[in-house]
C-alpha atoms as a PDB file:
ATOM      1  CA  MET A   1      45.137 -82.409  45.188  1.00  0.00           C
ATOM      2  CA  ALA A   2      43.387 -79.892  42.928  1.00  0.00           C
ATOM      3  CA  LYS A   3      40.936 -77.262  44.102  1.00  0.00           C
ATOM      4  CA  LEU A   4      37.585 -76.840  42.347  1.00  0.00           C
ATOM      5  CA  LYS A   5      35.258 -73.826  42.272  1.00  0.00           C
ATOM      6  CA  PHE A   6      31.521 -74.399  42.749  1.00  0.00           C
ATOM      7  CA  GLU A   7      29.199 -71.471  42.092  1.00  0.00           C
ATOM      8  CA  TYR A   8      26.100 -72.061  44.244  1.00  0.00           C
ATOM      9  CA  ILE A   9      23.149 -70.354  42.512  1.00  0.00           C
ATOM     10  CA  TRP A  10      19.742 -69.734  44.081  1.00  0.00           C
ATOM     11  CA  LEU A  11      16.609 -67.586  43.886  1.00  0.00           C
ATOM     12  CA  ASP A  12      16.120 -64.874  46.479  1.00  0.00           C
ATOM     13  CA  GLY A  13      12.900 -63.607  48.044  1.00  0.00           C
ATOM     14  CA  THR A  14      12.547 -60.384  46.061  1.00  0.00           C
ATOM     15  CA  ALA A  15       8.914 -59.594  45.226  1.00  0.00           C
ATOM     16  CA  PRO A  16       7.132 -59.627  42.880  1.00  0.00           C
ATOM     17  CA  THR A  17       9.942 -61.139  40.782  1.00  0.00           C
ATOM     18  CA  GLN A  18      12.724 -63.200  42.310  1.00  0.00           C
ATOM     19  CA  SER A  19      16.340 -62.507  41.411  1.00  0.00           C
ATOM     20  CA  LEU A  20      19.382 -64.721  41.073  1.00  0.00           C
ATOM     21  CA  ARG A  21      22.077 -64.821  43.767  1.00  0.00           C
ATOM     22  CA  SER A  22      25.298 -66.818  43.854  1.00  0.00           C
ATOM     23  CA  LYS A  23      28.509 -67.387  45.791  1.00  0.00           C
ATOM     24  CA  THR A  24      31.571 -69.579  45.313  1.00  0.00           C
ATOM     25  CA  LYS A  25      32.608 -72.578  47.406  1.00  0.00           C
ATOM     26  CA  ILE A  26      36.059 -74.166  47.060  1.00  0.00           C
ATOM     27  CA  LEU A  27      36.355 -77.950  47.490  1.00  0.00           C
ATOM     28  CA  ASP A  28      39.028 -80.577  46.887  1.00  0.00           C
ATOM     29  CA  ASP A  29      38.492 -82.518  43.670  1.00  0.00           C
ATOM     30  CA  SER A  30      38.536 -85.758  45.666  1.00  0.00           C
ATOM     31  CA  LYS A  31      35.150 -84.813  47.132  1.00  0.00           C
ATOM     32  CA  PHE A  32      33.369 -84.463  43.788  1.00  0.00           C
ATOM     33  CA  ASN A  33      32.401 -87.248  41.370  1.00  0.00           C
ATOM     34  CA  GLY A  34      30.218 -85.216  39.059  1.00  0.00           C
ATOM     35  CA  LYS A  35      26.865 -85.349  40.862  1.00  0.00           C
ATOM     36  CA  ALA A  36      24.949 -82.693  42.783  1.00  0.00           C
ATOM     37  CA  SER A  37      24.516 -85.198  45.618  1.00  0.00           C
ATOM     38  CA  ASP A  38      28.316 -85.145  46.106  1.00  0.00           C
ATOM     39  CA  LEU A  39      28.156 -81.509  47.167  1.00  0.00           C
ATOM     40  CA  PRO A  40      27.447 -80.328  50.705  1.00  0.00           C
ATOM     41  CA  ASP A  41      24.561 -78.114  51.708  1.00  0.00           C
ATOM     42  CA  TRP A  42      25.615 -74.548  52.458  1.00  0.00           C
ATOM     43  CA  CYS A  43      24.024 -71.694  54.348  1.00  0.00           C
ATOM     44  CA  PHE A  44      23.610 -68.015  53.546  1.00  0.00           C
ATOM     45  CA  ASP A  45      22.290 -64.840  55.161  1.00  0.00           C
ATOM     46  CA  GLY A  46      18.606 -64.853  54.311  1.00  0.00           C
ATOM     47  CA  SER A  47      18.115 -61.447  55.944  1.00  0.00           C
ATOM     48  CA  SER A  48      20.069 -59.936  53.028  1.00  0.00           C
ATOM     49  CA  THR A  49      17.955 -61.673  50.373  1.00  0.00           C
ATOM     50  CA  GLN A  50      14.433 -61.051  51.743  1.00  0.00           C
ATOM     51  CA  GLN A  51      14.197 -64.668  52.909  1.00  0.00           C
ATOM     52  CA  ALA A  52      14.700 -64.386  56.693  1.00  0.00           C
ATOM     53  CA  SER A  53      14.840 -61.945  59.584  1.00  0.00           C
ATOM     54  CA  GLY A  54      18.071 -60.732  61.120  1.00  0.00           C
ATOM     55  CA  GLY A  55      17.362 -62.547  64.365  1.00  0.00           C
ATOM     56  CA  SER A  56      17.125 -65.922  62.623  1.00  0.00           C
ATOM     57  CA  SER A  57      18.892 -65.348  59.335  1.00  0.00           C
ATOM     58  CA  ASP A  58      20.331 -68.691  58.207  1.00  0.00           C
ATOM     59  CA  CYS A  59      18.828 -70.351  55.134  1.00  0.00           C
ATOM     60  CA  ILE A  60      20.148 -73.530  53.520  1.00  0.00           C
ATOM     61  CA  LEU A  61      21.275 -74.142  49.944  1.00  0.00           C
ATOM     62  CA  LYS A  62      20.662 -77.702  48.740  1.00  0.00           C
ATOM     63  CA  PRO A  63      22.418 -78.563  45.444  1.00  0.00           C
ATOM     64  CA  VAL A  64      20.000 -80.106  42.927  1.00  0.00           C
ATOM     65  CA  ALA A  65      21.838 -79.848  39.586  1.00  0.00           C
ATOM     66  CA  VAL A  66      25.442 -79.292  38.554  1.00  0.00           C
ATOM     67  CA  TYR A  67      26.947 -78.198  35.232  1.00  0.00           C
ATOM     68  CA  SER A  68      30.399 -77.301  33.973  1.00  0.00           C
ATOM     69  CA  ASP A  69      31.278 -73.608  34.174  1.00  0.00           C
ATOM     70  CA  PRO A  70      33.094 -72.964  30.872  1.00  0.00           C
ATOM     71  CA  ALA A  71      33.849 -69.344  31.725  1.00  0.00           C
ATOM     72  CA  ARG A  72      36.053 -70.211  34.724  1.00  0.00           C
ATOM     73  CA  HIS A  73      38.969 -72.564  35.283  1.00  0.00           C
ATOM     74  CA  ASN A  74      38.233 -75.783  37.234  1.00  0.00           C
ATOM     75  CA  ALA A  75      34.707 -74.582  37.957  1.00  0.00           C
ATOM     76  CA  TYR A  76      31.098 -75.768  38.106  1.00  0.00           C
ATOM     77  CA  LEU A  77      27.656 -74.169  38.239  1.00  0.00           C
ATOM     78  CA  VAL A  78      25.455 -75.539  41.020  1.00  0.00           C
ATOM     79  CA  MET A  79      21.703 -74.858  40.947  1.00  0.00           C
ATOM     80  CA  CYS A  80      20.285 -74.981  44.459  1.00  0.00           C
ATOM     81  CA  GLU A  81      16.960 -75.121  46.237  1.00  0.00           C
ATOM     82  CA  VAL A  82      16.476 -72.922  49.279  1.00  0.00           C
ATOM     83  CA  LEU A  83      15.486 -74.700  52.482  1.00  0.00           C
ATOM     84  CA  SER A  84      14.463 -73.341  55.868  1.00  0.00           C
ATOM     85  CA  PRO A  85      16.701 -74.222  58.852  1.00  0.00           C
ATOM     86  CA  ASP A  86      14.490 -77.229  59.665  1.00  0.00           C
ATOM     87  CA  GLY A  87      15.167 -78.703  56.199  1.00  0.00           C
ATOM     88  CA  THR A  88      11.733 -78.005  54.726  1.00  0.00           C
ATOM     89  CA  PRO A  89      11.344 -76.065  51.463  1.00  0.00           C
ATOM     90  CA  HIS A  90      11.491 -72.309  51.973  1.00  0.00           C
ATOM     91  CA  PRO A  91       8.320 -70.419  50.913  1.00  0.00           C
ATOM     92  CA  SER A  92      10.333 -68.909  48.042  1.00  0.00           C
ATOM     93  CA  ASN A  93      11.210 -72.380  46.704  1.00  0.00           C
ATOM     94  CA  GLY A  94       9.088 -72.880  43.581  1.00  0.00           C
ATOM     95  CA  ARG A  95      10.972 -76.000  42.521  1.00  0.00           C
ATOM     96  CA  ALA A  96       9.629 -77.945  45.506  1.00  0.00           C
ATOM     97  CA  THR A  97       6.033 -77.377  44.315  1.00  0.00           C
ATOM     98  CA  ILE A  98       6.474 -79.399  41.094  1.00  0.00           C
ATOM     99  CA  ASN A  99       4.637 -82.746  41.189  1.00  0.00           C
ATOM    100  CA  ASP A 100       6.617 -84.575  38.512  1.00  0.00           C
ATOM    101  CA  ASP A 101       8.873 -87.048  40.297  1.00  0.00           C
ATOM    102  CA  ASP A 102       8.555 -89.583  37.458  1.00  0.00           C
ATOM    103  CA  ASN A 103       9.702 -86.984  34.867  1.00  0.00           C
ATOM    104  CA  ASP A 104       6.763 -87.852  32.655  1.00  0.00           C
ATOM    105  CA  PHE A 105       6.415 -84.188  31.684  1.00  0.00           C
ATOM    106  CA  TRP A 106       8.773 -82.721  29.100  1.00  0.00           C
ATOM    107  CA  PHE A 107       9.159 -78.953  28.827  1.00  0.00           C
ATOM    108  CA  GLY A 108      10.611 -76.642  26.237  1.00  0.00           C
ATOM    109  CA  PHE A 109      10.795 -73.007  27.344  1.00  0.00           C
ATOM    110  CA  GLU A 110      11.223 -70.157  24.848  1.00  0.00           C
ATOM    111  CA  GLN A 111      12.941 -67.410  26.838  1.00  0.00           C
ATOM    112  CA  GLU A 112      12.569 -63.917  25.371  1.00  0.00           C
ATOM    113  CA  TYR A 113      14.420 -60.903  26.766  1.00  0.00           C
ATOM    114  CA  PHE A 114      15.737 -57.444  25.927  1.00  0.00           C
ATOM    115  CA  LEU A 115      19.370 -56.396  26.153  1.00  0.00           C
ATOM    116  CA  ILE A 116      19.613 -52.945  27.754  1.00  0.00           C
ATOM    117  CA  ASP A 117      22.555 -50.608  27.185  1.00  0.00           C
ATOM    118  CA  ASN A 118      23.428 -49.364  30.671  1.00  0.00           C
ATOM    119  CA  GLU A 119      24.744 -46.070  29.300  1.00  0.00           C
ATOM    120  CA  THR A 120      21.499 -45.106  27.575  1.00  0.00           C
ATOM    121  CA  GLY A 121      19.010 -47.126  29.618  1.00  0.00           C
ATOM    122  CA  LYS A 122      17.407 -48.247  26.360  1.00  0.00           C
ATOM    123  CA  PRO A 123      17.417 -51.513  24.406  1.00  0.00           C
ATOM    124  CA  VAL A 124      20.611 -51.963  22.411  1.00  0.00           C
ATOM    125  CA  GLY A 125      20.305 -50.342  18.995  1.00  0.00           C
ATOM    126  CA  PHE A 126      17.804 -47.729  20.121  1.00  0.00           C
ATOM    127  CA  PRO A 127      18.859 -44.115  19.440  1.00  0.00           C
ATOM    128  CA  VAL A 128      19.528 -41.960  22.501  1.00  0.00           C
ATOM    129  CA  ASP A 129      16.647 -39.711  21.460  1.00  0.00           C
ATOM    130  CA  GLY A 130      13.516 -41.049  19.837  1.00  0.00           C
ATOM    131  CA  TRP A 131      12.774 -44.474  18.424  1.00  0.00           C
ATOM    132  CA  PRO A 132      14.215 -46.779  15.761  1.00  0.00           C
ATOM    133  CA  ASP A 133      12.235 -47.791  12.698  1.00  0.00           C
ATOM    134  CA  PRO A 134       9.027 -49.673  13.638  1.00  0.00           C
ATOM    135  CA  GLN A 135       9.231 -53.398  14.284  1.00  0.00           C
ATOM    136  CA  GLY A 136       9.053 -55.658  11.278  1.00  0.00           C
ATOM    137  CA  PRO A 137      12.620 -56.088  10.022  1.00  0.00           C
ATOM    138  CA  TYR A 138      14.134 -57.310  13.299  1.00  0.00           C
ATOM    139  CA  TYR A 139      12.621 -60.793  13.735  1.00  0.00           C
ATOM    140  CA  CYS A 140      15.216 -63.462  12.818  1.00  0.00           C
ATOM    141  CA  SER A 141      17.153 -60.626  11.200  1.00  0.00           C
ATOM    142  CA  VAL A 142      20.719 -60.330  10.007  1.00  0.00           C
ATOM    143  CA  GLY A 143      22.740 -57.204   9.366  1.00  0.00           C
ATOM    144  CA  ALA A 144      23.917 -54.052  11.122  1.00  0.00           C
ATOM    145  CA  GLY A 145      21.099 -51.880  12.389  1.00  0.00           C
ATOM    146  CA  ARG A 146      18.735 -54.843  12.630  1.00  0.00           C
ATOM    147  CA  ALA A 147      20.392 -57.683  14.582  1.00  0.00           C
ATOM    148  CA  VAL A 148      21.898 -55.691  17.450  1.00  0.00           C
ATOM    149  CA  GLY A 149      23.643 -57.396  20.377  1.00  0.00           C
ATOM    150  CA  ARG A 150      24.589 -60.559  18.511  1.00  0.00           C
ATOM    151  CA  GLU A 151      28.034 -60.681  20.143  1.00  0.00           C
ATOM    152  CA  VAL A 152      26.387 -61.190  23.550  1.00  0.00           C
ATOM    153  CA  VAL A 153      23.896 -63.733  22.250  1.00  0.00           C
ATOM    154  CA  GLU A 154      26.528 -65.836  20.477  1.00  0.00           C
ATOM    155  CA  GLU A 155      28.850 -65.856  23.488  1.00  0.00           C
ATOM    156  CA  HIS A 156      25.945 -66.867  25.713  1.00  0.00           C
ATOM    157  CA  LEU A 157      24.986 -69.684  23.329  1.00  0.00           C
ATOM    158  CA  ASP A 158      28.520 -71.080  23.378  1.00  0.00           C
ATOM    159  CA  LEU A 159      28.620 -70.991  27.174  1.00  0.00           C
ATOM    160  CA  CYS A 160      25.276 -72.811  27.418  1.00  0.00           C
ATOM    161  CA  ILE A 161      26.456 -75.550  25.057  1.00  0.00           C
ATOM    162  CA  ASP A 162      29.797 -75.907  26.810  1.00  0.00           C
ATOM    163  CA  ALA A 163      28.065 -76.052  30.195  1.00  0.00           C
ATOM    164  CA  GLY A 164      26.005 -79.026  29.013  1.00  0.00           C
ATOM    165  CA  LEU A 165      22.646 -77.267  28.932  1.00  0.00           C
ATOM    166  CA  ASN A 166      20.194 -78.614  26.369  1.00  0.00           C
ATOM    167  CA  VAL A 167      19.826 -75.335  24.515  1.00  0.00           C
ATOM    168  CA  GLU A 168      17.973 -75.871  21.244  1.00  0.00           C
ATOM    169  CA  GLY A 169      18.367 -72.547  19.488  1.00  0.00           C
ATOM    170  CA  ILE A 170      18.490 -68.751  19.465  1.00  0.00           C
ATOM    171  CA  ASN A 171      16.938 -66.041  17.318  1.00  0.00           C
ATOM    172  CA  ALA A 172      16.486 -62.313  17.127  1.00  0.00           C
ATOM    173  CA  GLU A 173      12.949 -61.404  18.164  1.00  0.00           C
ATOM    174  CA  VAL A 174      10.317 -58.984  16.881  1.00  0.00           C
ATOM    175  CA  ALA A 175      11.620 -55.824  18.560  1.00  0.00           C
ATOM    176  CA  MET A 176      15.072 -54.298  18.176  1.00  0.00           C
ATOM    177  CA  GLY A 177      17.383 -55.464  20.952  1.00  0.00           C
ATOM    178  CA  GLN A 178      15.048 -58.363  21.776  1.00  0.00           C
ATOM    179  CA  TRP A 179      16.331 -61.947  21.580  1.00  0.00           C
ATOM    180  CA  GLU A 180      15.294 -65.472  22.513  1.00  0.00           C
ATOM    181  CA  PHE A 181      16.880 -68.766  23.485  1.00  0.00           C
ATOM    182  CA  GLN A 182      15.167 -72.138  23.867  1.00  0.00           C
ATOM    183  CA  ILE A 183      15.811 -74.870  26.431  1.00  0.00           C
ATOM    184  CA  PHE A 184      14.307 -78.378  26.376  1.00  0.00           C
ATOM    185  CA  ALA A 185      14.450 -81.066  29.061  1.00  0.00           C
ATOM    186  CA  LYS A 186      12.726 -84.303  29.968  1.00  0.00           C
ATOM    187  CA  GLY A 187      11.429 -83.600  33.459  1.00  0.00           C
ATOM    188  CA  ALA A 188       9.844 -80.370  34.678  1.00  0.00           C
ATOM    189  CA  LYS A 189      12.436 -79.764  37.379  1.00  0.00           C
ATOM    190  CA  SER A 190      15.336 -80.254  34.999  1.00  0.00           C
ATOM    191  CA  ALA A 191      13.828 -77.780  32.536  1.00  0.00           C
ATOM    192  CA  GLY A 192      13.522 -75.202  35.289  1.00  0.00           C
ATOM    193  CA  ASP A 193      17.075 -75.834  36.479  1.00  0.00           C
ATOM    194  CA  GLN A 194      18.442 -75.291  32.999  1.00  0.00           C
ATOM    195  CA  ILE A 195      16.492 -72.100  32.307  1.00  0.00           C
ATOM    196  CA  TRP A 196      17.752 -70.572  35.549  1.00  0.00           C
ATOM    197  CA  VAL A 197      21.368 -71.542  34.869  1.00  0.00           C
ATOM    198  CA  ALA A 198      21.064 -70.185  31.314  1.00  0.00           C
ATOM    199  CA  ARG A 199      19.689 -66.934  32.716  1.00  0.00           C
ATOM    200  CA  TYR A 200      22.603 -66.809  35.136  1.00  0.00           C
ATOM    201  CA  LEU A 201      25.118 -67.240  32.312  1.00  0.00           C
ATOM    202  CA  LEU A 202      23.387 -64.531  30.269  1.00  0.00           C
ATOM    203  CA  GLU A 203      23.653 -62.097  33.174  1.00  0.00           C
ATOM    204  CA  ARG A 204      27.357 -62.869  33.485  1.00  0.00           C
ATOM    205  CA  VAL A 205      27.984 -62.242  29.793  1.00  0.00           C
ATOM    206  CA  GLY A 206      26.067 -58.970  30.077  1.00  0.00           C
ATOM    207  CA  GLU A 207      28.435 -57.865  32.852  1.00  0.00           C
ATOM    208  CA  GLN A 208      31.327 -57.930  30.387  1.00  0.00           C
ATOM    209  CA  TYR A 209      29.570 -55.720  27.821  1.00  0.00           C
ATOM    210  CA  GLY A 210      27.853 -53.283  30.147  1.00  0.00           C
ATOM    211  CA  TYR A 211      24.429 -54.645  29.221  1.00  0.00           C
ATOM    212  CA  SER A 212      21.581 -55.523  31.558  1.00  0.00           C
ATOM    213  CA  VAL A 213      19.106 -58.279  30.777  1.00  0.00           C
ATOM    214  CA  GLU A 214      15.512 -57.067  30.926  1.00  0.00           C
ATOM    215  CA  TYR A 215      12.880 -59.729  31.605  1.00  0.00           C
ATOM    216  CA  HIS A 216       9.952 -57.338  32.164  1.00  0.00           C
ATOM    217  CA  PRO A 217       7.122 -58.582  29.908  1.00  0.00           C
ATOM    218  CA  LYS A 218       6.421 -55.107  28.480  1.00  0.00           C
ATOM    219  CA  PRO A 219       9.520 -52.978  28.992  1.00  0.00           C
ATOM    220  CA  LEU A 220       8.590 -50.453  26.288  1.00  0.00           C
ATOM    221  CA  GLY A 221       5.240 -49.688  27.876  1.00  0.00           C
ATOM    222  CA  ASP A 222       1.980 -49.129  26.044  1.00  0.00           C
ATOM    223  CA  THR A 223       3.513 -48.881  22.590  1.00  0.00           C
ATOM    224  CA  ASP A 224       3.274 -50.810  19.360  1.00  0.00           C
ATOM    225  CA  TRP A 225       6.342 -52.875  20.305  1.00  0.00           C
ATOM    226  CA  ASN A 226       6.063 -56.533  21.273  1.00  0.00           C
ATOM    227  CA  GLY A 227       6.451 -57.621  24.863  1.00  0.00           C
ATOM    228  CA  SER A 228       8.496 -60.594  26.023  1.00  0.00           C
ATOM    229  CA  GLY A 229       7.205 -64.029  26.967  1.00  0.00           C
ATOM    230  CA  MET A 230       8.497 -67.405  28.040  1.00  0.00           C
ATOM    231  CA  HIS A 231       6.261 -69.714  26.038  1.00  0.00           C
ATOM    232  CA  ALA A 232       5.985 -73.102  27.734  1.00  0.00           C
ATOM    233  CA  ASN A 233       5.877 -76.095  25.396  1.00  0.00           C
ATOM    234  CA  PHE A 234       4.891 -79.212  27.314  1.00  0.00           C
ATOM    235  CA  SER A 235       3.881 -82.820  26.885  1.00  0.00           C
ATOM    236  CA  ASN A 236       3.269 -85.960  28.869  1.00  0.00           C
ATOM    237  CA  THR A 237       2.732 -89.539  27.758  1.00  0.00           C
ATOM    238  CA  ALA A 238      -0.951 -88.859  27.031  1.00  0.00           C
ATOM    239  CA  LEU A 239      -0.110 -86.027  24.616  1.00  0.00           C
ATOM    240  CA  ARG A 240       2.872 -87.724  23.029  1.00  0.00           C
ATOM    241  CA  THR A 241       0.821 -90.848  22.213  1.00  0.00           C
ATOM    242  CA  ALA A 242      -2.707 -89.408  21.916  1.00  0.00           C
ATOM    243  CA  GLY A 243      -3.445 -90.294  18.314  1.00  0.00           C
ATOM    244  CA  LYS A 244      -6.642 -88.265  18.247  1.00  0.00           C
ATOM    245  CA  LYS A 245      -7.831 -84.671  18.504  1.00  0.00           C
ATOM    246  CA  GLU A 246     -10.179 -85.388  21.396  1.00  0.00           C
ATOM    247  CA  VAL A 247      -7.295 -85.970  23.828  1.00  0.00           C
ATOM    248  CA  PHE A 248      -5.846 -82.548  23.028  1.00  0.00           C
ATOM    249  CA  ASP A 249      -9.245 -80.901  23.397  1.00  0.00           C
ATOM    250  CA  GLU A 250      -9.798 -82.598  26.753  1.00  0.00           C
ATOM    251  CA  ILE A 251      -6.438 -81.467  28.134  1.00  0.00           C
ATOM    252  CA  CYS A 252      -6.838 -77.914  26.818  1.00  0.00           C
ATOM    253  CA  GLU A 253     -10.266 -77.676  28.435  1.00  0.00           C
ATOM    254  CA  LYS A 254      -8.671 -78.422  31.811  1.00  0.00           C
ATOM    255  CA  PHE A 255      -7.121 -74.950  31.632  1.00  0.00           C
ATOM    256  CA  ARG A 256     -10.457 -73.176  31.048  1.00  0.00           C
ATOM    257  CA  PRO A 257     -12.080 -73.087  34.550  1.00  0.00           C
ATOM    258  CA  GLU A 258     -11.793 -69.728  36.302  1.00  0.00           C
ATOM    259  CA  ASN A 259      -9.760 -71.129  39.183  1.00  0.00           C
ATOM    260  CA  ARG A 260      -7.252 -72.622  36.746  1.00  0.00           C
ATOM    261  CA  ILE A 261      -6.944 -69.354  34.836  1.00  0.00           C
ATOM    262  CA  GLN A 262      -6.367 -67.512  38.113  1.00  0.00           C
ATOM    263  CA  ALA A 263      -3.718 -69.997  39.267  1.00  0.00           C
ATOM    264  CA  ALA A 264      -1.930 -69.672  35.947  1.00  0.00           C
ATOM    265  CA  ILE A 265      -1.926 -65.880  35.903  1.00  0.00           C
ATOM    266  CA  GLU A 266      -0.618 -65.738  39.470  1.00  0.00           C
ATOM    267  CA  ALA A 267       2.307 -67.989  38.518  1.00  0.00           C
ATOM    268  CA  TYR A 268       3.028 -66.643  35.047  1.00  0.00           C
ATOM    269  CA  GLY A 269       4.932 -63.486  35.994  1.00  0.00           C
ATOM    270  CA  ALA A 270       4.394 -59.977  37.346  1.00  0.00           C
ATOM    271  CA  TYR A 271       3.042 -57.179  35.122  1.00  0.00           C
ATOM    272  CA  ASN A 272       1.800 -59.740  32.612  1.00  0.00           C
ATOM    273  CA  ASP A 273      -1.429 -57.767  32.265  1.00  0.00           C
ATOM    274  CA  GLN A 274       0.611 -55.214  30.318  1.00  0.00           C
ATOM    275  CA  ARG A 275       1.554 -57.922  27.801  1.00  0.00           C
ATOM    276  CA  LEU A 276      -1.569 -60.113  27.603  1.00  0.00           C
ATOM    277  CA  THR A 277      -3.795 -57.547  25.911  1.00  0.00           C
ATOM    278  CA  GLY A 278      -5.055 -59.504  22.911  1.00  0.00           C
ATOM    279  CA  LYS A 279      -2.532 -57.694  20.706  1.00  0.00           C
ATOM    280  CA  HIS A 280       0.969 -58.581  19.521  1.00  0.00           C
ATOM    281  CA  GLU A 281       0.322 -62.329  19.309  1.00  0.00           C
ATOM    282  CA  THR A 282      -1.345 -62.697  22.706  1.00  0.00           C
ATOM    283  CA  GLN A 283      -4.774 -63.545  24.071  1.00  0.00           C
ATOM    284  CA  ALA A 284      -6.297 -61.126  26.586  1.00  0.00           C
ATOM    285  CA  ILE A 285      -5.426 -61.943  30.196  1.00  0.00           C
ATOM    286  CA  ASP A 286      -9.085 -62.414  31.185  1.00  0.00           C
ATOM    287  CA  LYS A 287      -9.914 -64.772  28.326  1.00  0.00           C
ATOM    288  CA  PHE A 288      -9.002 -68.352  27.480  1.00  0.00           C
ATOM    289  CA  SER A 289      -8.791 -69.954  24.059  1.00  0.00           C
ATOM    290  CA  TYR A 290      -6.886 -72.615  22.177  1.00  0.00           C
ATOM    291  CA  GLY A 291      -6.476 -73.522  18.548  1.00  0.00           C
ATOM    292  CA  VAL A 292      -4.287 -75.108  15.920  1.00  0.00           C
ATOM    293  CA  SER A 293      -1.422 -72.829  14.860  1.00  0.00           C
ATOM    294  CA  ASP A 294      -3.098 -69.878  16.650  1.00  0.00           C
ATOM    295  CA  ARG A 295      -0.523 -67.502  18.146  1.00  0.00           C
ATOM    296  CA  GLY A 296      -3.301 -65.277  19.400  1.00  0.00           C
ATOM    297  CA  ALA A 297      -4.637 -68.062  21.622  1.00  0.00           C
ATOM    298  CA  SER A 298      -3.842 -68.827  25.245  1.00  0.00           C
ATOM    299  CA  ILE A 299      -2.693 -72.305  24.216  1.00  0.00           C
ATOM    300  CA  ARG A 300      -1.493 -73.116  20.710  1.00  0.00           C
ATOM    301  CA  ILE A 301      -1.744 -76.596  19.241  1.00  0.00           C
ATOM    302  CA  PRO A 302       1.290 -76.737  16.922  1.00  0.00           C
ATOM    303  CA  ILE A 303       0.610 -77.695  13.317  1.00  0.00           C
ATOM    304  CA  GLY A 304       3.249 -80.409  13.719  1.00  0.00           C
ATOM    305  CA  VAL A 305       0.940 -82.197  16.143  1.00  0.00           C
ATOM    306  CA  VAL A 306      -1.775 -82.491  13.493  1.00  0.00           C
ATOM    307  CA  GLU A 307       0.710 -83.577  10.852  1.00  0.00           C
ATOM    308  CA  ASN A 308       2.028 -86.226  13.268  1.00  0.00           C
ATOM    309  CA  GLY A 309      -1.394 -87.845  13.683  1.00  0.00           C
ATOM    310  CA  TRP A 310      -2.349 -85.853  16.782  1.00  0.00           C
ATOM    311  CA  ASN A 311       0.715 -86.868  18.778  1.00  0.00           C
ATOM    312  CA  GLY A 312       2.988 -84.283  20.357  1.00  0.00           C
ATOM    313  CA  TRP A 313       2.770 -81.293  22.672  1.00  0.00           C
ATOM    314  CA  LEU A 314       1.024 -78.043  23.550  1.00  0.00           C
ATOM    315  CA  GLU A 315       2.318 -74.488  23.858  1.00  0.00           C
ATOM    316  CA  ASP A 316       1.036 -72.291  26.694  1.00  0.00           C
ATOM    317  CA  ARG A 317       1.729 -68.804  25.358  1.00  0.00           C
ATOM    318  CA  ARG A 318       0.754 -66.917  28.506  1.00  0.00           C
ATOM    319  CA  PRO A 319       3.880 -67.104  30.735  1.00  0.00           C
ATOM    320  CA  ALA A 320       5.766 -63.829  30.852  1.00  0.00           C
ATOM    321  CA  SER A 321       9.488 -63.550  30.260  1.00  0.00           C
ATOM    322  CA  ASN A 322      10.050 -62.843  33.978  1.00  0.00           C
ATOM    323  CA  ALA A 323       8.101 -65.910  35.160  1.00  0.00           C
ATOM    324  CA  ASP A 324       9.729 -68.562  37.336  1.00  0.00           C
ATOM    325  CA  PRO A 325       9.858 -71.701  35.148  1.00  0.00           C
ATOM    326  CA  TYR A 326       9.497 -73.851  38.269  1.00  0.00           C
ATOM    327  CA  LYS A 327       6.168 -72.199  39.141  1.00  0.00           C
ATOM    328  CA  VAL A 328       4.973 -72.283  35.536  1.00  0.00           C
ATOM    329  CA  ALA A 329       5.737 -75.994  35.294  1.00  0.00           C
ATOM    330  CA  ALA A 330       4.070 -76.682  38.646  1.00  0.00           C
ATOM    331  CA  VAL A 331       0.802 -75.076  37.500  1.00  0.00           C
ATOM    332  CA  ILE A 332       0.807 -76.867  34.144  1.00  0.00           C
ATOM    333  CA  VAL A 333       1.550 -80.267  35.700  1.00  0.00           C
ATOM    334  CA  ASP A 334      -1.143 -79.819  38.360  1.00  0.00           C
ATOM    335  CA  THR A 335      -3.697 -78.691  35.793  1.00  0.00           C
ATOM    336  CA  VAL A 336      -3.064 -81.560  33.385  1.00  0.00           C
ATOM    337  CA  LYS A 337      -3.018 -84.148  36.166  1.00  0.00           C
ATOM    338  CA  GLY A 338      -6.063 -82.587  37.801  1.00  0.00           C
END
């Protein structure tokens, strides 16, 4: 009877931005048929993850998605929800807030990030003293001195594919040491699961190279360097089969009311005010706009939608790179349904 390794992955209670945690469970292969529902719940010490007090420290991990772990032998990656001891969703559980049980919503997240050299504390490729040449040549670049960190990015891409994640692409981003990967899934919860597992794999690759992954939306401060976002492309049946501009206008307008803007900003990541300034392909955090092919808008209507007879999707450009995709999806689904 073979032994299998299951890496239980969850989100802790760190504020304002949750972090990933994980631990390994060993099970006989006879107990696993390939589904998350085959796997037992497991507990952990919530007092060490800012999710419980020491006097009542147990929290529960409920497996919700399972993927192959190509970096380990006989191993699987298990994304988990955190439950309180009574079996209800823990307050830190953003996944449980998504109202998309019929998987009508499809999401494609564009995850931007910086790779940080732990020896210098700066993005990879940056000189120890001073700055590299201004941004411009780095976006979708190739060549030494421009596309820096590719070995990490390529290894991460292979792991994502081998794990069975629906990764759709990678590219070097606008700033040196800044990269992006894209994940698409039918179902808001599945999209969130896959982004978190992809983030987990990226962190593990970074361990091998001595690189940290920086998800802060403006890690280079108030400079003329781009920040990092996690653009949320989304659709439901109404958008995919609209056939007319008015449907897109109606759905975009649902995001305009002040209470909807506030709900979005609260869910779209900490320190996002440093990124949403109206510069560097963003709309100001206190404004709302939408438009065809407008990367300076809050929501962009892709040109492909128009060319496809007003059928397709929308891109919310406001979520920060450090946002929880579960919480982002929950806000978008609630807004569109509302």
